[in-house]
Amino acid sequence: MPRKARVIVAGMLHHIVQRGHNRKAVFVEPDDYRYYLENLQEWKLALGIKVYSFCLMTNHVQLMVEPPEDCATVSRLMKQLAARQTRRVNKLEGRSGSMWESRYKISPIQRERYLLQCCR
């Protein structure tokens, strides 16, 4: 089954959700959160992505971002974040494989009402 193309619009706010595999915890220790946020800080600067908010729950991540002109930067950001977090957890826990469920979800925020829902 072919993947659906993501709609990413430069200069527009987007809501991103990425869940842990089988909705299992991806953040257990305080250092897990800290490591993810350090990588988010590094890569948002490197890629020129504006991050307006983030919410790290035990089993998923929600971000509100604004991509620059090159919308492919969002995919690069999410790839780096997922890969680094997975490598770290796999090394600490002596396991292998992905800890993230399928692809991240992304939606342009076109209405004020949806923006307020995302902020909650």
Protein backbone atom coordinates (compact mmCIF):
# COMPACT_ATOMS: atom_id res chain seq x y z
CA MET A 1 0.00 0.00 0.00
CA PRO A 2 1.57 3.33 -1.02
CA ARG A 3 2.19 5.90 1.67
CA LYS A 4 0.11 9.05 1.67
CA ALA A 5 2.12 12.17 0.98
CA ARG A 6 2.46 14.51 3.90
CA VAL A 7 1.17 18.05 3.52
CA ILE A 8 3.85 20.43 4.80
CA VAL A 9 3.64 24.14 4.04
CA ALA A 10 6.64 26.44 4.52
CA GLY A 11 6.02 29.21 7.01
CA MET A 12 2.86 27.59 8.40
CA LEU A 13 2.48 26.11 11.87
CA HIS A 14 2.21 22.29 11.98
CA HIS A 15 1.19 19.82 14.67
CA ILE A 16 3.35 16.68 14.87
CA VAL A 17 2.60 13.51 16.85
CA GLN A 18 4.92 10.53 17.15
CA ARG A 19 3.94 7.57 19.30
CA GLY A 20 5.93 4.81 20.90
CA HIS A 21 5.64 1.36 19.33
CA ASN A 22 2.44 -0.29 20.62
CA ARG A 23 1.98 2.92 22.63
CA LYS A 24 4.64 1.76 25.07
CA ALA A 25 6.73 4.21 27.07
CA VAL A 26 9.59 5.90 25.24
CA PHE A 27 10.47 8.17 28.15
CA VAL A 28 11.04 6.48 31.49
CA GLU A 29 13.79 8.36 33.30
CA PRO A 30 14.25 12.15 33.53
CA ASP A 31 17.41 11.74 31.42
CA ASP A 32 15.29 10.30 28.58
CA TYR A 33 13.33 13.57 28.36
CA ARG A 34 16.47 15.67 28.73
CA TYR A 35 18.28 13.79 25.95
CA TYR A 36 15.34 14.22 23.55
CA LEU A 37 15.11 17.95 24.29
CA GLU A 38 18.86 18.42 23.81
CA ASN A 39 18.58 16.81 20.38
CA LEU A 40 15.50 18.86 19.54
CA GLN A 41 17.43 22.03 20.41
CA GLU A 42 20.44 20.98 18.31
CA TRP A 43 18.50 19.95 15.22
CA LYS A 44 15.94 22.77 15.17
CA LEU A 45 18.85 25.21 15.07
CA ALA A 46 20.77 23.21 12.47
CA LEU A 47 17.73 22.92 10.19
CA GLY A 48 16.20 26.35 10.77
CA ILE A 49 12.91 25.02 12.11
CA LYS A 50 10.94 27.11 14.58
CA VAL A 51 9.57 25.07 17.49
CA TYR A 52 6.68 26.84 19.21
CA SER A 53 5.79 24.15 21.72
CA PHE A 54 6.48 20.59 22.70
CA CYS A 55 4.85 18.05 24.97
CA LEU A 56 6.75 14.91 25.87
CA MET A 57 4.43 12.31 27.34
CA THR A 58 5.66 8.92 28.52
CA ASN A 59 4.53 7.20 25.31
CA HIS A 60 4.47 9.95 22.68
CA VAL A 61 5.71 13.33 21.55
CA GLN A 62 3.74 16.33 20.32
CA LEU A 63 5.43 19.29 18.65
CA MET A 64 4.21 22.50 17.08
CA VAL A 65 6.72 23.59 14.46
CA GLU A 66 7.09 25.98 11.56
CA PRO A 67 9.33 24.75 8.74
CA PRO A 68 11.49 27.07 6.66
CA GLU A 69 11.25 27.21 2.85
CA ASP A 70 12.71 23.70 2.55
CA CYS A 71 9.86 21.62 3.97
CA ALA A 72 12.00 18.45 3.84
CA THR A 73 13.72 19.74 6.97
CA VAL A 74 10.77 18.51 9.06
CA SER A 75 11.39 14.91 7.93
CA ARG A 76 15.10 15.29 8.66
CA LEU A 77 14.33 16.66 12.13
CA MET A 78 11.98 13.81 13.00
CA LYS A 79 14.36 11.20 11.57
CA GLN A 80 17.26 12.49 13.68
CA LEU A 81 15.18 12.73 16.85
CA ALA A 82 13.74 9.23 16.47
CA ALA A 83 17.05 7.63 15.49
CA ARG A 84 19.07 9.18 18.30
CA GLN A 85 16.48 8.38 20.96
CA THR A 86 16.16 4.81 19.70
CA ARG A 87 19.94 4.24 19.65
CA ARG A 88 20.26 5.58 23.19
CA VAL A 89 17.43 3.49 24.64
CA ASN A 90 18.49 0.36 22.76
CA LYS A 91 22.02 0.71 24.09
CA LEU A 92 20.87 1.32 27.68
CA GLU A 93 18.38 -1.54 27.62
CA GLY A 94 20.42 -3.99 25.53
CA ARG A 95 17.72 -4.29 22.91
CA SER A 96 17.29 -3.63 19.18
CA GLY A 97 14.63 -2.42 16.80
CA SER A 98 12.48 0.65 16.56
CA MET A 99 10.76 2.13 19.56
CA TRP A 100 8.49 4.36 17.45
CA GLU A 101 5.18 3.34 15.90
CA SER A 102 5.10 3.80 12.12
CA ARG A 103 5.63 7.31 10.76
CA TYR A 104 5.00 10.48 12.64
CA LYS A 105 1.72 12.28 11.94
CA ILE A 106 1.77 15.91 10.82
CA SER A 107 -1.07 18.34 10.19
CA PRO A 108 -0.93 21.99 9.12
CA ILE A 109 -2.72 24.19 11.64
CA GLN A 110 -5.14 26.14 9.50
CA ARG A 111 -7.71 27.25 12.02
CA GLU A 112 -7.42 29.03 15.32
CA ARG A 113 -9.65 26.41 16.94
CA TYR A 114 -7.25 23.61 15.98
CA LEU A 115 -4.32 25.67 17.29
CA LEU A 116 -6.03 25.99 20.66
CA GLN A 117 -6.74 22.24 20.73
CA CYS A 118 -3.08 21.51 20.00
CA CYS A 119 -1.96 23.86 22.75
CA ARG A 120 -4.08 22.03 25.30
